[in-house]
Amino acid sequence: MAQPAHISIDEQEACLAAGMEEVIVKPVRINTIRNLTKRLPNPATPLSASRSIEENIFDLELSLTAAHNRPELADELLTLLIANLPIDQKSINDTFTNSGPEQLRSAVHKLNGAVRYCGVPRLANAVEKLETIVKSGPDEDIHRALNVLNGEVNSLMIWSQSNPDPFDTKDSRLN
């Protein structure tokens, strides 16, 4: 959560796209704080139990399941996705800016197909939401969903640099 004194709409959207759940601009009202605390997880619940699979940048088990427990295939699919992601991201952003809704639907649908087999649930969720909104939503909603997608792409790219071999064969589940 962020609590800036002054922030533009674009900056708020960038914060949300980067993974923040809330941006509250000062001065803060007591009702805002009450509403936020109602949404917090129960302190008795361990954090890991309160998180869903969609919150993971990469899920090894999901990736292996999609590749029929073939680590070499799962690794190849993830490697291809990460290699092509900057190109796909640019294509989607350029299409949003310069083309019509049909071309945007096509570009988003292509990425949606690619992420389904790679064990990247946060990105998959963001792409699916964008594809749904592109079918019928106003440009403002598409822009917000596109910001979330861009944030998830950036998160995956950063994660991949820190995790160059997520299918390390030393892991007994992969042998």
N, C-alpha and C. Protein backbone atom coordinates (compact mmCIF):
# COMPACT_ATOMS: atom_id res chain seq x y z
N MET A 1 0.85 -1.16 0.00
CA MET A 1 0.00 0.00 0.00
C MET A 1 0.89 1.23 0.00
N ALA A 2 0.47 2.28 -0.68
CA ALA A 2 1.18 3.55 -0.71
C ALA A 2 0.28 4.63 -0.14
N GLN A 3 0.90 5.62 0.51
CA GLN A 3 0.14 6.73 1.05
C GLN A 3 0.86 8.04 0.74
N PRO A 4 0.83 8.46 -0.52
CA PRO A 4 1.48 9.72 -0.90
C PRO A 4 0.60 10.92 -0.56
N ALA A 5 1.22 12.07 -0.48
CA ALA A 5 0.47 13.30 -0.26
C ALA A 5 -0.15 13.78 -1.57
N HIS A 6 0.59 13.64 -2.67
CA HIS A 6 0.11 14.06 -3.99
C HIS A 6 0.50 12.98 -4.99
N ILE A 7 -0.43 12.64 -5.87
CA ILE A 7 -0.13 11.61 -6.87
C ILE A 7 -1.11 11.75 -8.03
N SER A 8 -0.61 11.60 -9.24
CA SER A 8 -1.48 11.69 -10.41
C SER A 8 -2.18 10.35 -10.65
N ILE A 9 -3.17 10.36 -11.50
CA ILE A 9 -3.88 9.13 -11.86
C ILE A 9 -2.91 8.14 -12.51
N ASP A 10 -2.04 8.62 -13.40
CA ASP A 10 -1.05 7.74 -14.04
C ASP A 10 -0.12 7.11 -13.02
N GLU A 11 0.31 7.90 -12.02
CA GLU A 11 1.19 7.36 -10.98
C GLU A 11 0.45 6.33 -10.13
N GLN A 12 -0.83 6.58 -9.84
CA GLN A 12 -1.63 5.61 -9.10
C GLN A 12 -1.73 4.30 -9.87
N GLU A 13 -2.01 4.41 -11.17
CA GLU A 13 -2.13 3.20 -12.00
C GLU A 13 -0.80 2.46 -12.07
N ALA A 14 0.31 3.18 -12.13
CA ALA A 14 1.63 2.54 -12.16
C ALA A 14 1.89 1.80 -10.85
N CYS A 15 1.50 2.38 -9.73
CA CYS A 15 1.65 1.70 -8.44
C CYS A 15 0.84 0.41 -8.41
N LEU A 16 -0.40 0.49 -8.86
CA LEU A 16 -1.26 -0.70 -8.88
C LEU A 16 -0.72 -1.75 -9.84
N ALA A 17 -0.22 -1.31 -10.99
CA ALA A 17 0.35 -2.24 -11.97
C ALA A 17 1.60 -2.92 -11.42
N ALA A 18 2.32 -2.24 -10.54
CA ALA A 18 3.52 -2.81 -9.95
C ALA A 18 3.21 -3.80 -8.84
N GLY A 19 1.93 -3.93 -8.46
CA GLY A 19 1.57 -4.94 -7.49
C GLY A 19 0.98 -4.41 -6.20
N MET A 20 0.91 -3.10 -6.02
CA MET A 20 0.28 -2.56 -4.81
C MET A 20 -1.21 -2.83 -4.88
N GLU A 21 -1.79 -3.07 -3.72
CA GLU A 21 -3.22 -3.34 -3.68
C GLU A 21 -4.04 -2.08 -3.51
N GLU A 22 -3.46 -1.05 -2.92
CA GLU A 22 -4.17 0.20 -2.66
C GLU A 22 -3.22 1.38 -2.78
N VAL A 23 -3.75 2.51 -3.19
CA VAL A 23 -3.06 3.79 -3.12
C VAL A 23 -4.04 4.74 -2.47
N ILE A 24 -3.67 5.24 -1.29
CA ILE A 24 -4.55 6.12 -0.53
C ILE A 24 -3.87 7.47 -0.44
N VAL A 25 -4.54 8.50 -0.95
CA VAL A 25 -3.97 9.84 -0.96
C VAL A 25 -4.35 10.55 0.33
N LYS A 26 -3.38 11.24 0.92
CA LYS A 26 -3.62 12.02 2.14
C LYS A 26 -4.50 13.21 1.80
N PRO A 27 -5.31 13.70 2.67
CA PRO A 27 -5.56 13.21 4.02
C PRO A 27 -6.44 11.97 3.98
N VAL A 28 -6.19 11.08 4.91
CA VAL A 28 -6.92 9.81 4.97
C VAL A 28 -8.09 9.96 5.94
N ARG A 29 -9.22 9.44 5.51
CA ARG A 29 -10.42 9.47 6.36
C ARG A 29 -10.48 8.19 7.18
N ILE A 30 -11.05 8.27 8.35
CA ILE A 30 -11.14 7.12 9.26
C ILE A 30 -11.93 5.98 8.62
N ASN A 31 -12.97 6.29 7.84
CA ASN A 31 -13.75 5.23 7.19
C ASN A 31 -12.91 4.46 6.17
N THR A 32 -11.97 5.15 5.52
CA THR A 32 -11.08 4.48 4.57
C THR A 32 -10.22 3.46 5.31
N ILE A 33 -9.68 3.85 6.46
CA ILE A 33 -8.85 2.93 7.25
C ILE A 33 -9.68 1.75 7.74
N ARG A 34 -10.89 2.01 8.20
CA ARG A 34 -11.76 0.92 8.67
C ARG A 34 -12.04 -0.08 7.54
N ASN A 35 -12.36 0.44 6.35
CA ASN A 35 -12.64 -0.45 5.22
C ASN A 35 -11.42 -1.27 4.83
N LEU A 36 -10.24 -0.67 4.89
CA LEU A 36 -9.02 -1.40 4.56
C LEU A 36 -8.73 -2.50 5.56
N THR A 37 -8.89 -2.22 6.83
CA THR A 37 -8.59 -3.23 7.85
C THR A 37 -9.56 -4.40 7.78
N LYS A 38 -10.76 -4.17 7.30
CA LYS A 38 -11.72 -5.27 7.15
C LYS A 38 -11.26 -6.26 6.08
N ARG A 39 -10.48 -5.77 5.11
CA ARG A 39 -10.04 -6.62 4.01
C ARG A 39 -8.72 -7.32 4.29
N LEU A 40 -8.06 -7.01 5.39
CA LEU A 40 -6.79 -7.65 5.71
C LEU A 40 -7.03 -9.10 6.09
N PRO A 41 -6.03 -10.00 5.81
CA PRO A 41 -6.20 -11.39 6.22
C PRO A 41 -6.25 -11.50 7.73
N ASN A 42 -6.90 -12.55 8.19
CA ASN A 42 -6.97 -12.83 9.62
C ASN A 42 -5.56 -13.06 10.14
N PRO A 43 -5.12 -12.36 11.20
CA PRO A 43 -3.75 -12.53 11.69
C PRO A 43 -3.46 -13.96 12.14
N ALA A 44 -4.48 -14.72 12.48
CA ALA A 44 -4.27 -16.11 12.88
C ALA A 44 -3.98 -17.01 11.69
N THR A 45 -4.28 -16.54 10.49
CA THR A 45 -4.04 -17.32 9.28
C THR A 45 -2.63 -17.06 8.79
N PRO A 46 -1.82 -18.12 8.62
CA PRO A 46 -0.48 -17.90 8.09
C PRO A 46 -0.56 -17.24 6.72
N LEU A 47 0.40 -16.37 6.42
CA LEU A 47 0.39 -15.64 5.16
C LEU A 47 0.34 -16.59 3.97
N SER A 48 1.12 -17.68 4.02
CA SER A 48 1.14 -18.60 2.88
C SER A 48 -0.23 -19.24 2.65
N ALA A 49 -0.99 -19.45 3.71
CA ALA A 49 -2.31 -20.05 3.55
C ALA A 49 -3.31 -19.06 2.97
N SER A 50 -3.06 -17.75 3.16
CA SER A 50 -4.01 -16.76 2.66
C SER A 50 -3.76 -16.40 1.21
N ARG A 51 -2.66 -16.84 0.65
CA ARG A 51 -2.34 -16.51 -0.74
C ARG A 51 -2.85 -17.60 -1.66
N SER A 52 -3.30 -17.19 -2.82
CA SER A 52 -3.76 -18.15 -3.81
C SER A 52 -2.66 -18.38 -4.84
N ILE A 53 -2.85 -19.39 -5.67
CA ILE A 53 -1.87 -19.73 -6.70
C ILE A 53 -1.68 -18.56 -7.67
N GLU A 54 -2.71 -17.74 -7.87
CA GLU A 54 -2.61 -16.62 -8.79
C GLU A 54 -1.60 -15.57 -8.34
N GLU A 55 -1.18 -15.62 -7.07
CA GLU A 55 -0.25 -14.63 -6.58
C GLU A 55 1.20 -14.99 -6.88
N ASN A 56 1.46 -16.18 -7.38
CA ASN A 56 2.82 -16.57 -7.71
C ASN A 56 3.21 -16.05 -9.08
N ILE A 57 4.44 -15.56 -9.18
CA ILE A 57 4.94 -15.16 -10.49
C ILE A 57 5.17 -16.42 -11.32
N PHE A 58 5.80 -17.42 -10.71
CA PHE A 58 6.06 -18.69 -11.40
C PHE A 58 5.68 -19.82 -10.46
N ASP A 59 5.03 -20.84 -11.00
CA ASP A 59 4.63 -22.00 -10.22
C ASP A 59 5.18 -23.25 -10.91
N LEU A 60 6.19 -23.84 -10.30
CA LEU A 60 6.86 -25.01 -10.87
C LEU A 60 5.90 -26.16 -11.11
N GLU A 61 5.08 -26.47 -10.13
CA GLU A 61 4.15 -27.60 -10.27
C GLU A 61 3.15 -27.36 -11.40
N LEU A 62 2.65 -26.16 -11.50
CA LEU A 62 1.72 -25.81 -12.58
C LEU A 62 2.39 -25.94 -13.94
N SER A 63 3.62 -25.48 -14.03
CA SER A 63 4.38 -25.57 -15.27
C SER A 63 4.60 -27.02 -15.67
N LEU A 64 5.00 -27.84 -14.71
CA LEU A 64 5.25 -29.26 -15.00
C LEU A 64 3.95 -29.98 -15.38
N THR A 65 2.87 -29.65 -14.71
CA THR A 65 1.58 -30.27 -15.03
C THR A 65 1.17 -29.94 -16.46
N ALA A 66 1.33 -28.67 -16.85
CA ALA A 66 0.97 -28.25 -18.21
C ALA A 66 1.83 -28.95 -19.26
N ALA A 67 3.06 -29.32 -18.88
CA ALA A 67 3.98 -29.99 -19.81
C ALA A 67 3.98 -31.51 -19.60
N HIS A 68 2.94 -32.04 -18.98
CA HIS A 68 2.80 -33.48 -18.75
C HIS A 68 4.02 -34.06 -18.03
N ASN A 69 4.47 -33.30 -17.01
CA ASN A 69 5.61 -33.70 -16.16
C ASN A 69 6.88 -33.94 -16.96
N ARG A 70 7.07 -33.16 -18.00
CA ARG A 70 8.30 -33.22 -18.79
C ARG A 70 9.07 -31.93 -18.57
N PRO A 71 10.04 -31.95 -17.63
CA PRO A 71 10.75 -30.71 -17.29
C PRO A 71 11.43 -30.05 -18.48
N GLU A 72 11.95 -30.84 -19.43
CA GLU A 72 12.62 -30.23 -20.58
C GLU A 72 11.63 -29.45 -21.44
N LEU A 73 10.41 -29.96 -21.58
CA LEU A 73 9.39 -29.25 -22.34
C LEU A 73 8.93 -28.00 -21.59
N ALA A 74 8.70 -28.14 -20.28
CA ALA A 74 8.29 -27.00 -19.46
C ALA A 74 9.34 -25.90 -19.52
N ASP A 75 10.61 -26.28 -19.43
CA ASP A 75 11.71 -25.31 -19.49
C ASP A 75 11.74 -24.62 -20.85
N GLU A 76 11.56 -25.39 -21.91
CA GLU A 76 11.57 -24.82 -23.26
C GLU A 76 10.42 -23.83 -23.46
N LEU A 77 9.22 -24.18 -22.97
CA LEU A 77 8.06 -23.29 -23.12
C LEU A 77 8.26 -21.99 -22.35
N LEU A 78 8.78 -22.09 -21.11
CA LEU A 78 9.02 -20.89 -20.32
C LEU A 78 10.11 -20.03 -20.96
N THR A 79 11.16 -20.66 -21.44
CA THR A 79 12.26 -19.93 -22.09
C THR A 79 11.76 -19.19 -23.32
N LEU A 80 10.93 -19.85 -24.13
CA LEU A 80 10.35 -19.20 -25.31
C LEU A 80 9.45 -18.02 -24.93
N LEU A 81 8.63 -18.22 -23.90
CA LEU A 81 7.75 -17.15 -23.46
C LEU A 81 8.57 -15.94 -23.04
N ILE A 82 9.59 -16.16 -22.21
CA ILE A 82 10.39 -15.04 -21.70
C ILE A 82 11.16 -14.37 -22.83
N ALA A 83 11.65 -15.15 -23.78
CA ALA A 83 12.38 -14.56 -24.91
C ALA A 83 11.48 -13.70 -25.78
N ASN A 84 10.23 -14.11 -25.96
CA ASN A 84 9.30 -13.38 -26.83
C ASN A 84 8.46 -12.34 -26.11
N LEU A 85 8.49 -12.34 -24.79
CA LEU A 85 7.63 -11.45 -24.02
C LEU A 85 7.85 -9.97 -24.32
N PRO A 86 9.08 -9.47 -24.41
CA PRO A 86 9.24 -8.05 -24.75
C PRO A 86 8.62 -7.69 -26.10
N ILE A 87 8.73 -8.58 -27.07
CA ILE A 87 8.16 -8.34 -28.39
C ILE A 87 6.63 -8.34 -28.31
N ASP A 88 6.07 -9.33 -27.60
CA ASP A 88 4.62 -9.41 -27.46
C ASP A 88 4.07 -8.21 -26.68
N GLN A 89 4.79 -7.81 -25.64
CA GLN A 89 4.37 -6.66 -24.84
C GLN A 89 4.35 -5.39 -25.70
N LYS A 90 5.39 -5.18 -26.47
CA LYS A 90 5.46 -4.00 -27.35
C LYS A 90 4.34 -4.05 -28.38
N SER A 91 4.11 -5.22 -28.94
CA SER A 91 3.05 -5.37 -29.94
C SER A 91 1.68 -5.00 -29.36
N ILE A 92 1.40 -5.49 -28.16
CA ILE A 92 0.11 -5.20 -27.52
C ILE A 92 -0.01 -3.71 -27.21
N ASN A 93 1.04 -3.13 -26.66
CA ASN A 93 1.00 -1.70 -26.33
C ASN A 93 0.87 -0.84 -27.59
N ASP A 94 1.64 -1.17 -28.62
CA ASP A 94 1.55 -0.42 -29.88
C ASP A 94 0.17 -0.57 -30.52
N THR A 95 -0.36 -1.77 -30.48
CA THR A 95 -1.68 -2.02 -31.05
C THR A 95 -2.75 -1.24 -30.30
N PHE A 96 -2.65 -1.18 -28.98
CA PHE A 96 -3.60 -0.40 -28.19
C PHE A 96 -3.56 1.07 -28.61
N THR A 97 -2.36 1.58 -28.82
CA THR A 97 -2.18 3.00 -29.15
C THR A 97 -2.56 3.32 -30.59
N ASN A 98 -2.24 2.42 -31.52
CA ASN A 98 -2.31 2.77 -32.95
C ASN A 98 -3.34 2.03 -33.77
N SER A 99 -3.98 1.00 -33.24
CA SER A 99 -4.87 0.18 -34.06
C SER A 99 -6.25 0.06 -33.44
N GLY A 100 -7.08 -0.70 -34.10
CA GLY A 100 -8.44 -0.90 -33.63
C GLY A 100 -8.58 -2.06 -32.67
N PRO A 101 -9.78 -2.24 -32.14
CA PRO A 101 -10.02 -3.28 -31.15
C PRO A 101 -9.80 -4.71 -31.67
N GLU A 102 -10.07 -4.94 -32.93
CA GLU A 102 -9.89 -6.29 -33.49
C GLU A 102 -8.42 -6.70 -33.48
N GLN A 103 -7.54 -5.80 -33.85
CA GLN A 103 -6.10 -6.09 -33.84
C GLN A 103 -5.60 -6.28 -32.40
N LEU A 104 -6.14 -5.48 -31.48
CA LEU A 104 -5.75 -5.63 -30.07
C LEU A 104 -6.21 -6.98 -29.54
N ARG A 105 -7.43 -7.37 -29.87
CA ARG A 105 -7.94 -8.69 -29.44
C ARG A 105 -7.01 -9.79 -29.93
N SER A 106 -6.59 -9.71 -31.16
CA SER A 106 -5.72 -10.72 -31.76
C SER A 106 -4.37 -10.78 -31.04
N ALA A 107 -3.77 -9.62 -30.77
CA ALA A 107 -2.46 -9.58 -30.11
C ALA A 107 -2.54 -10.13 -28.68
N VAL A 108 -3.60 -9.77 -27.96
CA VAL A 108 -3.77 -10.25 -26.59
C VAL A 108 -4.07 -11.75 -26.58
N HIS A 109 -4.89 -12.20 -27.52
CA HIS A 109 -5.24 -13.61 -27.60
C HIS A 109 -4.00 -14.48 -27.86
N LYS A 110 -3.11 -13.99 -28.70
CA LYS A 110 -1.86 -14.72 -28.98
C LYS A 110 -1.06 -14.92 -27.69
N LEU A 111 -0.91 -13.86 -26.90
CA LEU A 111 -0.17 -13.98 -25.64
C LEU A 111 -0.92 -14.86 -24.66
N ASN A 112 -2.23 -14.77 -24.65
CA ASN A 112 -3.03 -15.60 -23.74
C ASN A 112 -2.77 -17.09 -24.01
N GLY A 113 -2.68 -17.45 -25.27
CA GLY A 113 -2.38 -18.84 -25.61
C GLY A 113 -0.99 -19.27 -25.14
N ALA A 114 -0.03 -18.37 -25.25
CA ALA A 114 1.35 -18.69 -24.87
C ALA A 114 1.51 -18.88 -23.37
N VAL A 115 0.85 -18.07 -22.56
CA VAL A 115 1.08 -18.13 -21.11
C VAL A 115 0.40 -19.34 -20.46
N ARG A 116 -0.54 -19.94 -21.11
CA ARG A 116 -1.29 -21.05 -20.52
C ARG A 116 -0.43 -22.28 -20.21
N TYR A 117 0.71 -22.41 -20.85
CA TYR A 117 1.51 -23.62 -20.71
C TYR A 117 2.84 -23.38 -20.00
N CYS A 118 2.96 -22.26 -19.31
CA CYS A 118 4.28 -21.89 -18.78
C CYS A 118 4.36 -21.78 -17.27
N GLY A 119 3.28 -21.99 -16.56
CA GLY A 119 3.34 -21.91 -15.10
C GLY A 119 3.54 -20.50 -14.58
N VAL A 120 2.93 -19.52 -15.23
CA VAL A 120 3.04 -18.12 -14.81
C VAL A 120 1.63 -17.58 -14.50
N PRO A 121 1.06 -17.98 -13.36
CA PRO A 121 -0.34 -17.69 -13.09
C PRO A 121 -0.69 -16.21 -12.96
N ARG A 122 0.19 -15.39 -12.41
CA ARG A 122 -0.14 -13.96 -12.31
C ARG A 122 -0.24 -13.32 -13.68
N LEU A 123 0.72 -13.64 -14.54
CA LEU A 123 0.69 -13.10 -15.90
C LEU A 123 -0.52 -13.67 -16.65
N ALA A 124 -0.77 -14.95 -16.49
CA ALA A 124 -1.92 -15.57 -17.17
C ALA A 124 -3.23 -14.90 -16.74
N ASN A 125 -3.35 -14.61 -15.46
CA ASN A 125 -4.55 -13.95 -14.95
C ASN A 125 -4.69 -12.54 -15.54
N ALA A 126 -3.58 -11.80 -15.61
CA ALA A 126 -3.61 -10.44 -16.16
C ALA A 126 -3.98 -10.46 -17.65
N VAL A 127 -3.43 -11.41 -18.40
CA VAL A 127 -3.73 -11.51 -19.83
C VAL A 127 -5.20 -11.89 -20.04
N GLU A 128 -5.68 -12.83 -19.24
CA GLU A 128 -7.07 -13.26 -19.37
C GLU A 128 -8.03 -12.10 -19.07
N LYS A 129 -7.74 -11.34 -18.03
CA LYS A 129 -8.59 -10.19 -17.70
C LYS A 129 -8.57 -9.16 -18.83
N LEU A 130 -7.38 -8.89 -19.36
CA LEU A 130 -7.28 -7.93 -20.46
C LEU A 130 -8.07 -8.42 -21.66
N GLU A 131 -7.94 -9.70 -21.98
CA GLU A 131 -8.66 -10.23 -23.15
C GLU A 131 -10.16 -10.11 -22.95
N THR A 132 -10.64 -10.36 -21.76
CA THR A 132 -12.07 -10.24 -21.48
C THR A 132 -12.53 -8.80 -21.62
N ILE A 133 -11.75 -7.87 -21.09
CA ILE A 133 -12.12 -6.45 -21.15
C ILE A 133 -12.05 -5.92 -22.58
N VAL A 134 -11.07 -6.38 -23.35
CA VAL A 134 -10.92 -5.91 -24.74
C VAL A 134 -12.16 -6.26 -25.55
N LYS A 135 -12.82 -7.35 -25.23
CA LYS A 135 -14.00 -7.78 -26.00
C LYS A 135 -15.16 -6.81 -25.86
N SER A 136 -15.26 -6.12 -24.70
CA SER A 136 -16.44 -5.27 -24.54
C SER A 136 -16.22 -4.02 -23.70
N GLY A 137 -15.05 -3.88 -23.10
CA GLY A 137 -14.86 -2.78 -22.17
C GLY A 137 -14.50 -1.46 -22.83
N PRO A 138 -14.73 -0.38 -22.11
CA PRO A 138 -14.32 0.94 -22.61
C PRO A 138 -12.79 1.07 -22.55
N ASP A 139 -12.26 2.01 -23.32
CA ASP A 139 -10.81 2.22 -23.38
C ASP A 139 -10.20 2.45 -22.02
N GLU A 140 -10.91 3.13 -21.12
CA GLU A 140 -10.37 3.40 -19.78
C GLU A 140 -10.11 2.09 -19.04
N ASP A 141 -11.05 1.13 -19.12
CA ASP A 141 -10.87 -0.17 -18.47
C ASP A 141 -9.75 -0.95 -19.15
N ILE A 142 -9.68 -0.86 -20.47
CA ILE A 142 -8.61 -1.54 -21.21
C ILE A 142 -7.27 -0.97 -20.78
N HIS A 143 -7.18 0.33 -20.66
CA HIS A 143 -5.93 0.98 -20.25
C HIS A 143 -5.49 0.50 -18.87
N ARG A 144 -6.42 0.40 -17.93
CA ARG A 144 -6.08 -0.10 -16.58
C ARG A 144 -5.60 -1.54 -16.65
N ALA A 145 -6.32 -2.38 -17.38
CA ALA A 145 -5.92 -3.79 -17.49
C ALA A 145 -4.59 -3.93 -18.20
N LEU A 146 -4.33 -3.07 -19.16
CA LEU A 146 -3.05 -3.08 -19.86
C LEU A 146 -1.92 -2.68 -18.92
N ASN A 147 -2.17 -1.71 -18.04
CA ASN A 147 -1.16 -1.35 -17.04
C ASN A 147 -0.85 -2.52 -16.11
N VAL A 148 -1.87 -3.26 -15.71
CA VAL A 148 -1.65 -4.45 -14.87
C VAL A 148 -0.82 -5.48 -15.63
N LEU A 149 -1.18 -5.71 -16.89
CA LEU A 149 -0.42 -6.66 -17.73
C LEU A 149 1.04 -6.23 -17.82
N ASN A 150 1.28 -4.97 -18.09
CA ASN A 150 2.67 -4.48 -18.19
C ASN A 150 3.42 -4.69 -16.89
N GLY A 151 2.75 -4.47 -15.77
CA GLY A 151 3.38 -4.72 -14.47
C GLY A 151 3.74 -6.18 -14.28
N GLU A 152 2.84 -7.07 -14.69
CA GLU A 152 3.11 -8.51 -14.55
C GLU A 152 4.21 -8.97 -15.49
N VAL A 153 4.25 -8.43 -16.71
CA VAL A 153 5.34 -8.76 -17.63
C VAL A 153 6.67 -8.33 -17.01
N ASN A 154 6.71 -7.11 -16.49
CA ASN A 154 7.94 -6.61 -15.87
C ASN A 154 8.33 -7.46 -14.66
N SER A 155 7.37 -7.86 -13.85
CA SER A 155 7.66 -8.71 -12.70
C SER A 155 8.25 -10.05 -13.13
N LEU A 156 7.68 -10.65 -14.17
CA LEU A 156 8.20 -11.93 -14.65
C LEU A 156 9.61 -11.77 -15.22
N MET A 157 9.85 -10.69 -15.93
CA MET A 157 11.18 -10.47 -16.50
C MET A 157 12.22 -10.29 -15.39
N ILE A 158 11.88 -9.56 -14.36
CA ILE A 158 12.80 -9.38 -13.22
C ILE A 158 13.00 -10.72 -12.52
N TRP A 159 11.90 -11.46 -12.30
CA TRP A 159 12.00 -12.78 -11.66
C TRP A 159 12.91 -13.70 -12.47
N SER A 160 12.77 -13.70 -13.79
CA SER A 160 13.55 -14.61 -14.63
C SER A 160 15.05 -14.30 -14.55
N GLN A 161 15.40 -13.03 -14.36
CA GLN A 161 16.81 -12.68 -14.22
C GLN A 161 17.38 -13.21 -12.91
N SER A 162 16.55 -13.26 -11.88
CA SER A 162 16.99 -13.76 -10.58
C SER A 162 16.89 -15.28 -10.49
N ASN A 163 16.17 -15.89 -11.41
CA ASN A 163 15.96 -17.34 -11.40
C ASN A 163 16.25 -17.91 -12.78
N PRO A 164 17.53 -17.93 -13.17
CA PRO A 164 17.85 -18.33 -14.54
C PRO A 164 17.57 -19.81 -14.83
N ASP A 165 17.48 -20.65 -13.80
CA ASP A 165 17.23 -22.08 -14.03
C ASP A 165 16.16 -22.61 -13.07
N PRO A 166 14.89 -22.25 -13.30
CA PRO A 166 13.85 -22.72 -12.37
C PRO A 166 13.60 -24.22 -12.45
N PHE A 167 14.13 -24.88 -13.47
CA PHE A 167 13.96 -26.32 -13.62
C PHE A 167 15.25 -27.04 -13.29
N ASP A 168 15.98 -26.54 -12.33
CA ASP A 168 17.26 -27.12 -11.92
C ASP A 168 17.07 -28.63 -11.66
N THR A 169 17.87 -29.44 -12.32
CA THR A 169 17.71 -30.90 -12.24
C THR A 169 18.15 -31.45 -10.89
N LYS A 170 18.69 -30.64 -10.01
CA LYS A 170 19.02 -31.10 -8.66
C LYS A 170 17.76 -31.30 -7.83
N ASP A 171 16.66 -30.69 -8.26
CA ASP A 171 15.38 -30.83 -7.55
C ASP A 171 14.86 -32.25 -7.79
N SER A 172 14.62 -32.97 -6.73
CA SER A 172 14.22 -34.38 -6.84
C SER A 172 12.87 -34.55 -7.54
N ARG A 173 12.02 -33.53 -7.55
CA ARG A 173 10.72 -33.65 -8.22
C ARG A 173 10.89 -33.72 -9.74
N LEU A 174 12.05 -33.30 -10.24
CA LEU A 174 12.25 -33.27 -11.68
C LEU A 174 12.97 -34.51 -12.20
N ASN A 175 13.37 -35.39 -11.32
CA ASN A 175 14.10 -36.61 -11.76
C ASN A 175 13.18 -37.80 -11.84
